[in-house]
Amino acid sequence: MKNSKNRIDACLVCAIECEECATCCINLNDKNNLKSIALCRDCADICALCARFEARGSSFCDVLCKLCIEICVACAAECEKPSAPDCCKKTASACKKCAVECSKM
């Protein structure tokens, strides 16, 4: 159950960080951040859904976790780019942690 709790926590933290990052990038009004915004929104949604599936013990959780890992890795890579705004750095870290926890499924 501890791994489940760690996964849920990592997914929820990542979802929040991604929402905050998307909002930050939107507020910067920089068209170079459109890919980052889209990935952060996708990542926030999949992480929140993954946490809910994990919490209820869904038999589809393993499939969803695989997709969550893929999106988290893509989001982290985008948020780590040198051109990414400062708000993205914390998000990249949360995405990586979430991917690691989901890979323990």
PDB file of N, CA and C in Angstrom:
ATOM      1  N   MET A   1       0.824  -1.209   0.000  1.00  0.00           N
ATOM      2  CA  MET A   1       0.000   0.000   0.000  1.00  0.00           C
ATOM      3  C   MET A   1       0.863   1.265   0.000  1.00  0.00           C
ATOM      4  N   LYS A   2       2.086   1.170   0.584  1.00  0.00           N
ATOM      5  CA  LYS A   2       2.967   2.334   0.627  1.00  0.00           C
ATOM      6  C   LYS A   2       3.322   2.814  -0.782  1.00  0.00           C
ATOM      7  N   ASN A   3       3.629   1.861  -1.689  1.00  0.00           N
ATOM      8  CA  ASN A   3       3.944   2.248  -3.065  1.00  0.00           C
ATOM      9  C   ASN A   3       2.765   2.943  -3.718  1.00  0.00           C
ATOM     10  N   SER A   4       1.577   2.463  -3.427  1.00  0.00           N
ATOM     11  CA  SER A   4       0.370   3.081  -3.960  1.00  0.00           C
ATOM     12  C   SER A   4       0.239   4.518  -3.464  1.00  0.00           C
ATOM     13  N   LYS A   5       0.468   4.734  -2.195  1.00  0.00           N
ATOM     14  CA  LYS A   5       0.382   6.082  -1.611  1.00  0.00           C
ATOM     15  C   LYS A   5       1.450   6.992  -2.224  1.00  0.00           C
ATOM     16  N   ASN A   6       2.659   6.463  -2.392  1.00  0.00           N
ATOM     17  CA  ASN A   6       3.735   7.253  -3.004  1.00  0.00           C
ATOM     18  C   ASN A   6       3.377   7.649  -4.438  1.00  0.00           C
ATOM     19  N   ARG A   7       2.790   6.711  -5.168  1.00  0.00           N
ATOM     20  CA  ARG A   7       2.388   6.974  -6.551  1.00  0.00           C
ATOM     21  C   ARG A   7       1.292   8.033  -6.600  1.00  0.00           C
ATOM     22  N   ILE A   8       0.300   7.880  -5.745  1.00  0.00           N
ATOM     23  CA  ILE A   8      -0.796   8.859  -5.697  1.00  0.00           C
ATOM     24  C   ILE A   8      -0.248  10.239  -5.357  1.00  0.00           C
ATOM     25  N   ASP A   9       0.588  10.314  -4.342  1.00  0.00           N
ATOM     26  CA  ASP A   9       1.166  11.604  -3.940  1.00  0.00           C
ATOM     27  C   ASP A   9       1.982  12.232  -5.065  1.00  0.00           C
ATOM     28  N   ALA A  10       2.826  11.425  -5.721  1.00  0.00           N
ATOM     29  CA  ALA A  10       3.658  11.938  -6.812  1.00  0.00           C
ATOM     30  C   ALA A  10       2.795  12.431  -7.970  1.00  0.00           C
ATOM     31  N   CYS A  11       1.732  11.696  -8.280  1.00  0.00           N
ATOM     32  CA  CYS A  11       0.825  12.105  -9.357  1.00  0.00           C
ATOM     33  C   CYS A  11       0.116  13.415  -9.025  1.00  0.00           C
ATOM     34  N   LEU A  12      -0.337  13.542  -7.790  1.00  0.00           N
ATOM     35  CA  LEU A  12      -1.050  14.771  -7.404  1.00  0.00           C
ATOM     36  C   LEU A  12      -0.122  15.982  -7.368  1.00  0.00           C
ATOM     37  N   VAL A  13       1.077  15.801  -6.857  1.00  0.00           N
ATOM     38  CA  VAL A  13       2.054  16.899  -6.850  1.00  0.00           C
ATOM     39  C   VAL A  13       2.361  17.313  -8.284  1.00  0.00           C
ATOM     40  N   CYS A  14       2.560  16.337  -9.146  1.00  0.00           N
ATOM     41  CA  CYS A  14       2.867  16.637 -10.541  1.00  0.00           C
ATOM     42  C   CYS A  14       1.711  17.375 -11.215  1.00  0.00           C
ATOM     43  N   ALA A  15       0.494  16.928 -10.953  1.00  0.00           N
ATOM     44  CA  ALA A  15      -0.680  17.587 -11.540  1.00  0.00           C
ATOM     45  C   ALA A  15      -0.736  19.055 -11.132  1.00  0.00           C
ATOM     46  N   ILE A  16      -0.490  19.321  -9.862  1.00  0.00           N
ATOM     47  CA  ILE A  16      -0.528  20.702  -9.364  1.00  0.00           C
ATOM     48  C   ILE A  16       0.596  21.532  -9.977  1.00  0.00           C
ATOM     49  N   GLU A  17       1.805  20.975  -9.996  1.00  0.00           N
ATOM     50  CA  GLU A  17       2.944  21.703 -10.581  1.00  0.00           C
ATOM     51  C   GLU A  17       2.694  22.016 -12.054  1.00  0.00           C
ATOM     52  N   CYS A  18       2.149  21.056 -12.779  1.00  0.00           N
ATOM     53  CA  CYS A  18       1.874  21.265 -14.200  1.00  0.00           C
ATOM     54  C   CYS A  18       0.803  22.337 -14.421  1.00  0.00           C
ATOM     55  N   GLU A  19      -0.223  22.338 -13.591  1.00  0.00           N
ATOM     56  CA  GLU A  19      -1.259  23.382 -13.699  1.00  0.00           C
ATOM     57  C   GLU A  19      -0.652  24.758 -13.436  1.00  0.00           C
ATOM     58  N   GLU A  20       0.172  24.838 -12.394  1.00  0.00           N
ATOM     59  CA  GLU A  20       0.811  26.122 -12.068  1.00  0.00           C
ATOM     60  C   GLU A  20       1.750  26.572 -13.175  1.00  0.00           C
ATOM     61  N   CYS A  21       2.479  25.622 -13.754  1.00  0.00           N
ATOM     62  CA  CYS A  21       3.414  25.949 -14.834  1.00  0.00           C
ATOM     63  C   CYS A  21       2.662  26.428 -16.078  1.00  0.00           C
ATOM     64  N   ALA A  22       1.593  25.737 -16.420  1.00  0.00           N
ATOM     65  CA  ALA A  22       0.803  26.152 -17.584  1.00  0.00           C
ATOM     66  C   ALA A  22       0.268  27.558 -17.382  1.00  0.00           C
ATOM     67  N   THR A  23      -0.225  27.833 -16.188  1.00  0.00           N
ATOM     68  CA  THR A  23      -0.747  29.175 -15.890  1.00  0.00           C
ATOM     69  C   THR A  23       0.356  30.218 -15.978  1.00  0.00           C
ATOM     70  N   CYS A  24       1.516  29.893 -15.444  1.00  0.00           N
ATOM     71  CA  CYS A  24       2.654  30.810 -15.501  1.00  0.00           C
ATOM     72  C   CYS A  24       3.032  31.103 -16.954  1.00  0.00           C
ATOM     73  N   CYS A  25       3.134  30.048 -17.755  1.00  0.00           N
ATOM     74  CA  CYS A  25       3.507  30.232 -19.159  1.00  0.00           C
ATOM     75  C   CYS A  25       2.451  31.018 -19.937  1.00  0.00           C
ATOM     76  N   ILE A  26       1.189  30.788 -19.630  1.00  0.00           N
ATOM     77  CA  ILE A  26       0.111  31.552 -20.271  1.00  0.00           C
ATOM     78  C   ILE A  26       0.248  33.029 -19.908  1.00  0.00           C
ATOM     79  N   ASN A  27       0.508  33.299 -18.644  1.00  0.00           N
ATOM     80  CA  ASN A  27       0.634  34.689 -18.187  1.00  0.00           C
ATOM     81  C   ASN A  27       1.842  35.399 -18.785  1.00  0.00           C
ATOM     82  N   LEU A  28       2.861  34.642 -19.163  1.00  0.00           N
ATOM     83  CA  LEU A  28       4.028  35.246 -19.812  1.00  0.00           C
ATOM     84  C   LEU A  28       3.699  35.699 -21.229  1.00  0.00           C
ATOM     85  N   ASN A  29       2.612  35.141 -21.778  1.00  0.00           N
ATOM     86  CA  ASN A  29       2.133  35.514 -23.120  1.00  0.00           C
ATOM     87  C   ASN A  29       3.235  35.403 -24.175  1.00  0.00           C
ATOM     88  N   ASP A  30       4.015  34.345 -24.086  1.00  0.00           N
ATOM     89  CA  ASP A  30       5.112  34.096 -25.015  1.00  0.00           C
ATOM     90  C   ASP A  30       4.724  32.926 -25.911  1.00  0.00           C
ATOM     91  N   LYS A  31       4.586  33.172 -27.179  1.00  0.00           N
ATOM     92  CA  LYS A  31       4.146  32.137 -28.115  1.00  0.00           C
ATOM     93  C   LYS A  31       5.142  30.973 -28.209  1.00  0.00           C
ATOM     94  N   ASN A  32       6.362  31.156 -27.733  1.00  0.00           N
ATOM     95  CA  ASN A  32       7.352  30.075 -27.725  1.00  0.00           C
ATOM     96  C   ASN A  32       7.031  29.013 -26.674  1.00  0.00           C
ATOM     97  N   ASN A  33       6.096  29.309 -25.774  1.00  0.00           N
ATOM     98  CA  ASN A  33       5.751  28.394 -24.695  1.00  0.00           C
ATOM     99  C   ASN A  33       4.514  27.543 -24.992  1.00  0.00           C
ATOM    100  N   LEU A  34       3.984  27.611 -26.193  1.00  0.00           N
ATOM    101  CA  LEU A  34       2.742  26.894 -26.507  1.00  0.00           C
ATOM    102  C   LEU A  34       2.870  25.383 -26.325  1.00  0.00           C
ATOM    103  N   LYS A  35       3.995  24.807 -26.731  1.00  0.00           N
ATOM    104  CA  LYS A  35       4.189  23.362 -26.569  1.00  0.00           C
ATOM    105  C   LYS A  35       4.268  23.008 -25.083  1.00  0.00           C
ATOM    106  N   SER A  36       4.956  23.819 -24.325  1.00  0.00           N
ATOM    107  CA  SER A  36       5.074  23.592 -22.875  1.00  0.00           C
ATOM    108  C   SER A  36       3.710  23.661 -22.203  1.00  0.00           C
ATOM    109  N   ILE A  37       2.909  24.633 -22.588  1.00  0.00           N
ATOM    110  CA  ILE A  37       1.571  24.792 -22.015  1.00  0.00           C
ATOM    111  C   ILE A  37       0.719  23.559 -22.318  1.00  0.00           C
ATOM    112  N   ALA A  38       0.736  23.131 -23.569  1.00  0.00           N
ATOM    113  CA  ALA A  38      -0.068  21.960 -23.967  1.00  0.00           C
ATOM    114  C   ALA A  38       0.379  20.704 -23.229  1.00  0.00           C
ATOM    115  N   LEU A  39       1.690  20.492 -23.132  1.00  0.00           N
ATOM    116  CA  LEU A  39       2.189  19.315 -22.426  1.00  0.00           C
ATOM    117  C   LEU A  39       1.865  19.371 -20.936  1.00  0.00           C
ATOM    118  N   CYS A  40       1.999  20.532 -20.341  1.00  0.00           N
ATOM    119  CA  CYS A  40       1.674  20.672 -18.918  1.00  0.00           C
ATOM    120  C   CYS A  40       0.196  20.387 -18.665  1.00  0.00           C
ATOM    121  N   ARG A  41      -0.658  20.844 -19.535  1.00  0.00           N
ATOM    122  CA  ARG A  41      -2.093  20.579 -19.371  1.00  0.00           C
ATOM    123  C   ARG A  41      -2.396  19.100 -19.530  1.00  0.00           C
ATOM    124  N   ASP A  42      -1.790  18.464 -20.541  1.00  0.00           N
ATOM    125  CA  ASP A  42      -1.971  17.026 -20.727  1.00  0.00           C
ATOM    126  C   ASP A  42      -1.449  16.254 -19.520  1.00  0.00           C
ATOM    127  N   CYS A  43      -0.286  16.653 -19.049  1.00  0.00           N
ATOM    128  CA  CYS A  43       0.344  15.969 -17.924  1.00  0.00           C
ATOM    129  C   CYS A  43      -0.500  16.127 -16.654  1.00  0.00           C
ATOM    130  N   ALA A  44      -0.990  17.323 -16.406  1.00  0.00           N
ATOM    131  CA  ALA A  44      -1.831  17.551 -15.226  1.00  0.00           C
ATOM    132  C   ALA A  44      -3.065  16.655 -15.269  1.00  0.00           C
ATOM    133  N   ASP A  45      -3.681  16.559 -16.420  1.00  0.00           N
ATOM    134  CA  ASP A  45      -4.889  15.743 -16.557  1.00  0.00           C
ATOM    135  C   ASP A  45      -4.603  14.258 -16.356  1.00  0.00           C
ATOM    136  N   ILE A  46      -3.549  13.742 -16.997  1.00  0.00           N
ATOM    137  CA  ILE A  46      -3.272  12.307 -16.889  1.00  0.00           C
ATOM    138  C   ILE A  46      -2.818  11.963 -15.472  1.00  0.00           C
ATOM    139  N   CYS A  47      -2.075  12.846 -14.840  1.00  0.00           N
ATOM    140  CA  CYS A  47      -1.610  12.580 -13.467  1.00  0.00           C
ATOM    141  C   CYS A  47      -2.778  12.554 -12.481  1.00  0.00           C
ATOM    142  N   ALA A  48      -3.704  13.476 -12.628  1.00  0.00           N
ATOM    143  CA  ALA A  48      -4.872  13.499 -11.743  1.00  0.00           C
ATOM    144  C   ALA A  48      -5.719  12.240 -11.951  1.00  0.00           C
ATOM    145  N   LEU A  49      -5.893  11.856 -13.206  1.00  0.00           N
ATOM    146  CA  LEU A  49      -6.664  10.644 -13.511  1.00  0.00           C
ATOM    147  C   LEU A  49      -5.954   9.396 -12.982  1.00  0.00           C
ATOM    148  N   CYS A  50      -4.661   9.348 -13.153  1.00  0.00           N
ATOM    149  CA  CYS A  50      -3.876   8.214 -12.677  1.00  0.00           C
ATOM    150  C   CYS A  50      -3.989   8.090 -11.153  1.00  0.00           C
ATOM    151  N   ALA A  51      -3.939   9.201 -10.448  1.00  0.00           N
ATOM    152  CA  ALA A  51      -4.081   9.179  -8.981  1.00  0.00           C
ATOM    153  C   ALA A  51      -5.454   8.632  -8.590  1.00  0.00           C
ATOM    154  N   ARG A  52      -6.484   9.037  -9.291  1.00  0.00           N
ATOM    155  CA  ARG A  52      -7.835   8.540  -8.984  1.00  0.00           C
ATOM    156  C   ARG A  52      -7.965   7.049  -9.268  1.00  0.00           C
ATOM    157  N   PHE A  53      -7.416   6.602 -10.396  1.00  0.00           N
ATOM    158  CA  PHE A  53      -7.464   5.170 -10.726  1.00  0.00           C
ATOM    159  C   PHE A  53      -6.697   4.358  -9.683  1.00  0.00           C
ATOM    160  N   GLU A  54      -5.562   4.860  -9.271  1.00  0.00           N
ATOM    161  CA  GLU A  54      -4.749   4.175  -8.262  1.00  0.00           C
ATOM    162  C   GLU A  54      -5.485   4.122  -6.927  1.00  0.00           C
ATOM    163  N   ALA A  55      -6.112   5.216  -6.555  1.00  0.00           N
ATOM    164  CA  ALA A  55      -6.815   5.283  -5.270  1.00  0.00           C
ATOM    165  C   ALA A  55      -7.963   4.286  -5.191  1.00  0.00           C
ATOM    166  N   ARG A  56      -8.609   4.045  -6.315  1.00  0.00           N
ATOM    167  CA  ARG A  56      -9.735   3.115  -6.274  1.00  0.00           C
ATOM    168  C   ARG A  56      -9.343   1.700  -6.686  1.00  0.00           C
ATOM    169  N   GLY A  57      -8.050   1.488  -6.958  1.00  0.00           N
ATOM    170  CA  GLY A  57      -7.579   0.152  -7.282  1.00  0.00           C
ATOM    171  C   GLY A  57      -8.071  -0.358  -8.620  1.00  0.00           C
ATOM    172  N   SER A  58      -8.201   0.523  -9.578  1.00  0.00           N
ATOM    173  CA  SER A  58      -8.700   0.151 -10.897  1.00  0.00           C
ATOM    174  C   SER A  58      -7.787  -0.883 -11.568  1.00  0.00           C
ATOM    175  N   SER A  59      -8.399  -1.827 -12.242  1.00  0.00           N
ATOM    176  CA  SER A  59      -7.632  -2.829 -12.981  1.00  0.00           C
ATOM    177  C   SER A  59      -6.963  -2.217 -14.220  1.00  0.00           C
ATOM    178  N   PHE A  60      -7.315  -0.999 -14.562  1.00  0.00           N
ATOM    179  CA  PHE A  60      -6.720  -0.304 -15.704  1.00  0.00           C
ATOM    180  C   PHE A  60      -5.575   0.611 -15.295  1.00  0.00           C
ATOM    181  N   CYS A  61      -5.253   0.617 -14.026  1.00  0.00           N
ATOM    182  CA  CYS A  61      -4.228   1.527 -13.522  1.00  0.00           C
ATOM    183  C   CYS A  61      -2.870   1.292 -14.175  1.00  0.00           C
ATOM    184  N   ASP A  62      -2.495   0.050 -14.399  1.00  0.00           N
ATOM    185  CA  ASP A  62      -1.185  -0.232 -14.988  1.00  0.00           C
ATOM    186  C   ASP A  62      -1.079   0.336 -16.402  1.00  0.00           C
ATOM    187  N   VAL A  63      -2.138   0.226 -17.169  1.00  0.00           N
ATOM    188  CA  VAL A  63      -2.151   0.776 -18.530  1.00  0.00           C
ATOM    189  C   VAL A  63      -2.067   2.299 -18.479  1.00  0.00           C
ATOM    190  N   LEU A  64      -2.827   2.882 -17.578  1.00  0.00           N
ATOM    191  CA  LEU A  64      -2.833   4.339 -17.445  1.00  0.00           C
ATOM    192  C   LEU A  64      -1.480   4.848 -16.957  1.00  0.00           C
ATOM    193  N   CYS A  65      -0.845   4.116 -16.047  1.00  0.00           N
ATOM    194  CA  CYS A  65       0.472   4.515 -15.538  1.00  0.00           C
ATOM    195  C   CYS A  65       1.505   4.552 -16.663  1.00  0.00           C
ATOM    196  N   LYS A  66       1.419   3.635 -17.608  1.00  0.00           N
ATOM    197  CA  LYS A  66       2.355   3.631 -18.740  1.00  0.00           C
ATOM    198  C   LYS A  66       2.204   4.907 -19.561  1.00  0.00           C
ATOM    199  N   LEU A  67       0.977   5.312 -19.796  1.00  0.00           N
ATOM    200  CA  LEU A  67       0.743   6.553 -20.525  1.00  0.00           C
ATOM    201  C   LEU A  67       1.193   7.754 -19.698  1.00  0.00           C
ATOM    202  N   CYS A  68       0.954   7.706 -18.406  1.00  0.00           N
ATOM    203  CA  CYS A  68       1.374   8.781 -17.511  1.00  0.00           C
ATOM    204  C   CYS A  68       2.897   8.956 -17.569  1.00  0.00           C
ATOM    205  N   ILE A  69       3.616   7.853 -17.552  1.00  0.00           N
ATOM    206  CA  ILE A  69       5.082   7.912 -17.640  1.00  0.00           C
ATOM    207  C   ILE A  69       5.503   8.596 -18.934  1.00  0.00           C
ATOM    208  N   GLU A  70       4.899   8.187 -20.035  1.00  0.00           N
ATOM    209  CA  GLU A  70       5.254   8.744 -21.349  1.00  0.00           C
ATOM    210  C   GLU A  70       5.025  10.258 -21.394  1.00  0.00           C
ATOM    211  N   ILE A  71       3.894  10.690 -20.876  1.00  0.00           N
ATOM    212  CA  ILE A  71       3.578  12.124 -20.898  1.00  0.00           C
ATOM    213  C   ILE A  71       4.465  12.889 -19.918  1.00  0.00           C
ATOM    214  N   CYS A  72       4.706  12.319 -18.739  1.00  0.00           N
ATOM    215  CA  CYS A  72       5.581  12.983 -17.761  1.00  0.00           C
ATOM    216  C   CYS A  72       6.994  13.164 -18.309  1.00  0.00           C
ATOM    217  N   VAL A  73       7.512  12.150 -18.988  1.00  0.00           N
ATOM    218  CA  VAL A  73       8.858  12.236 -19.563  1.00  0.00           C
ATOM    219  C   VAL A  73       8.906  13.332 -20.631  1.00  0.00           C
ATOM    220  N   ALA A  74       7.898  13.380 -21.476  1.00  0.00           N
ATOM    221  CA  ALA A  74       7.840  14.415 -22.523  1.00  0.00           C
ATOM    222  C   ALA A  74       7.723  15.805 -21.908  1.00  0.00           C
ATOM    223  N   CYS A  75       6.904  15.935 -20.884  1.00  0.00           N
ATOM    224  CA  CYS A  75       6.712  17.223 -20.229  1.00  0.00           C
ATOM    225  C   CYS A  75       7.995  17.676 -19.533  1.00  0.00           C
ATOM    226  N   ALA A  76       8.658  16.753 -18.860  1.00  0.00           N
ATOM    227  CA  ALA A  76       9.918  17.088 -18.191  1.00  0.00           C
ATOM    228  C   ALA A  76      10.961  17.558 -19.204  1.00  0.00           C
ATOM    229  N   ALA A  77      11.047  16.870 -20.326  1.00  0.00           N
ATOM    230  CA  ALA A  77      12.021  17.245 -21.360  1.00  0.00           C
ATOM    231  C   ALA A  77      11.744  18.645 -21.892  1.00  0.00           C
ATOM    232  N   GLU A  78      10.489  18.954 -22.104  1.00  0.00           N
ATOM    233  CA  GLU A  78      10.117  20.282 -22.600  1.00  0.00           C
ATOM    234  C   GLU A  78      10.416  21.354 -21.552  1.00  0.00           C
ATOM    235  N   CYS A  79      10.106  21.048 -20.305  1.00  0.00           N
ATOM    236  CA  CYS A  79      10.289  22.034 -19.231  1.00  0.00           C
ATOM    237  C   CYS A  79      11.750  22.224 -18.839  1.00  0.00           C
ATOM    238  N   GLU A  80      12.617  21.301 -19.254  1.00  0.00           N
ATOM    239  CA  GLU A  80      14.045  21.419 -18.947  1.00  0.00           C
ATOM    240  C   GLU A  80      14.836  22.156 -20.030  1.00  0.00           C
ATOM    241  N   LYS A  81      14.194  22.466 -21.128  1.00  0.00           N
ATOM    242  CA  LYS A  81      14.913  23.150 -22.200  1.00  0.00           C
ATOM    243  C   LYS A  81      15.485  24.465 -21.681  1.00  0.00           C
ATOM    244  N   PRO A  82      16.660  24.833 -22.158  1.00  0.00           N
ATOM    245  CA  PRO A  82      17.279  26.090 -21.699  1.00  0.00           C
ATOM    246  C   PRO A  82      16.403  27.320 -21.937  1.00  0.00           C
ATOM    247  N   SER A  83      15.564  27.261 -22.960  1.00  0.00           N
ATOM    248  CA  SER A  83      14.709  28.408 -23.275  1.00  0.00           C
ATOM    249  C   SER A  83      13.441  28.460 -22.420  1.00  0.00           C
ATOM    250  N   ALA A  84      13.208  27.426 -21.630  1.00  0.00           N
ATOM    251  CA  ALA A  84      11.991  27.370 -20.804  1.00  0.00           C
ATOM    252  C   ALA A  84      12.059  28.406 -19.686  1.00  0.00           C
ATOM    253  N   PRO A  85      10.918  28.993 -19.349  1.00  0.00           N
ATOM    254  CA  PRO A  85      10.894  29.962 -18.255  1.00  0.00           C
ATOM    255  C   PRO A  85      11.236  29.295 -16.914  1.00  0.00           C
ATOM    256  N   ASP A  86      11.614  30.091 -15.951  1.00  0.00           N
ATOM    257  CA  ASP A  86      12.013  29.576 -14.638  1.00  0.00           C
ATOM    258  C   ASP A  86      10.931  28.723 -13.978  1.00  0.00           C
ATOM    259  N   CYS A  87       9.672  29.059 -14.195  1.00  0.00           N
ATOM    260  CA  CYS A  87       8.583  28.308 -13.562  1.00  0.00           C
ATOM    261  C   CYS A  87       8.554  26.852 -14.009  1.00  0.00           C
ATOM    262  N   CYS A  88       9.176  26.561 -15.124  1.00  0.00           N
ATOM    263  CA  CYS A  88       9.157  25.195 -15.670  1.00  0.00           C
ATOM    264  C   CYS A  88      10.134  24.255 -14.967  1.00  0.00           C
ATOM    265  N   LYS A  89      11.164  24.789 -14.341  1.00  0.00           N
ATOM    266  CA  LYS A  89      12.200  23.932 -13.747  1.00  0.00           C
ATOM    267  C   LYS A  89      11.640  23.040 -12.637  1.00  0.00           C
ATOM    268  N   LYS A  90      10.814  23.602 -11.776  1.00  0.00           N
ATOM    269  CA  LYS A  90      10.206  22.841 -10.682  1.00  0.00           C
ATOM    270  C   LYS A  90       9.251  21.779 -11.239  1.00  0.00           C
ATOM    271  N   THR A  91       8.600  22.107 -12.308  1.00  0.00           N
ATOM    272  CA  THR A  91       7.674  21.184 -12.950  1.00  0.00           C
ATOM    273  C   THR A  91       8.412  19.980 -13.508  1.00  0.00           C
ATOM    274  N   ALA A  92       9.558  20.209 -14.122  1.00  0.00           N
ATOM    275  CA  ALA A  92      10.351  19.111 -14.678  1.00  0.00           C
ATOM    276  C   ALA A  92      10.710  18.107 -13.592  1.00  0.00           C
ATOM    277  N   SER A  93      11.073  18.602 -12.445  1.00  0.00           N
ATOM    278  CA  SER A  93      11.432  17.731 -11.320  1.00  0.00           C
ATOM    279  C   SER A  93      10.233  16.897 -10.862  1.00  0.00           C
ATOM    280  N   ALA A  94       9.068  17.515 -10.760  1.00  0.00           N
ATOM    281  CA  ALA A  94       7.849  16.801 -10.349  1.00  0.00           C
ATOM    282  C   ALA A  94       7.465  15.743 -11.383  1.00  0.00           C
ATOM    283  N   CYS A  95       7.633  16.065 -12.646  1.00  0.00           N
ATOM    284  CA  CYS A  95       7.315  15.111 -13.717  1.00  0.00           C
ATOM    285  C   CYS A  95       8.237  13.894 -13.648  1.00  0.00           C
ATOM    286  N   LYS A  96       9.506  14.134 -13.412  1.00  0.00           N
ATOM    287  CA  LYS A  96      10.459  13.025 -13.314  1.00  0.00           C
ATOM    288  C   LYS A  96      10.126  12.121 -12.135  1.00  0.00           C
ATOM    289  N   LYS A  97       9.806  12.727 -10.998  1.00  0.00           N
ATOM    290  CA  LYS A  97       9.471  11.931  -9.816  1.00  0.00           C
ATOM    291  C   LYS A  97       8.213  11.104 -10.065  1.00  0.00           C
ATOM    292  N   CYS A  98       7.231  11.696 -10.698  1.00  0.00           N
ATOM    293  CA  CYS A  98       5.993  10.988 -10.995  1.00  0.00           C
ATOM    294  C   CYS A  98       6.268   9.808 -11.932  1.00  0.00           C
ATOM    295  N   ALA A  99       7.095  10.025 -12.952  1.00  0.00           N
ATOM    296  CA  ALA A  99       7.437   8.948 -13.886  1.00  0.00           C
ATOM    297  C   ALA A  99       8.127   7.796 -13.152  1.00  0.00           C
ATOM    298  N   VAL A 100       9.000   8.118 -12.227  1.00  0.00           N
ATOM    299  CA  VAL A 100       9.704   7.081 -11.456  1.00  0.00           C
ATOM    300  C   VAL A 100       8.722   6.293 -10.612  1.00  0.00           C
ATOM    301  N   GLU A 101       7.831   6.990  -9.918  1.00  0.00           N
ATOM    302  CA  GLU A 101       6.843   6.300  -9.059  1.00  0.00           C
ATOM    303  C   GLU A 101       5.899   5.435  -9.886  1.00  0.00           C
ATOM    304  N   CYS A 102       5.472   5.948 -11.030  1.00  0.00           N
ATOM    305  CA  CYS A 102       4.560   5.167 -11.876  1.00  0.00           C
ATOM    306  C   CYS A 102       5.259   3.956 -12.482  1.00  0.00           C
ATOM    307  N   SER A 103       6.564   4.061 -12.689  1.00  0.00           N
ATOM    308  CA  SER A 103       7.297   2.927 -13.259  1.00  0.00           C
ATOM    309  C   SER A 103       7.417   1.775 -12.266  1.00  0.00           C
ATOM    310  N   LYS A 104       7.143   2.026 -11.006  1.00  0.00           N
ATOM    311  CA  LYS A 104       7.186   0.984  -9.974  1.00  0.00           C
ATOM    312  C   LYS A 104       5.909   0.152  -9.956  1.00  0.00           C
ATOM    313  N   MET A 105       4.994   0.456 -10.836  1.00  0.00           N
ATOM    314  CA  MET A 105       3.692  -0.229 -10.887  1.00  0.00           C
ATOM    315  C   MET A 105       3.868  -1.699 -11.150  1.00  0.00           C
TER     316      MET A 105
END
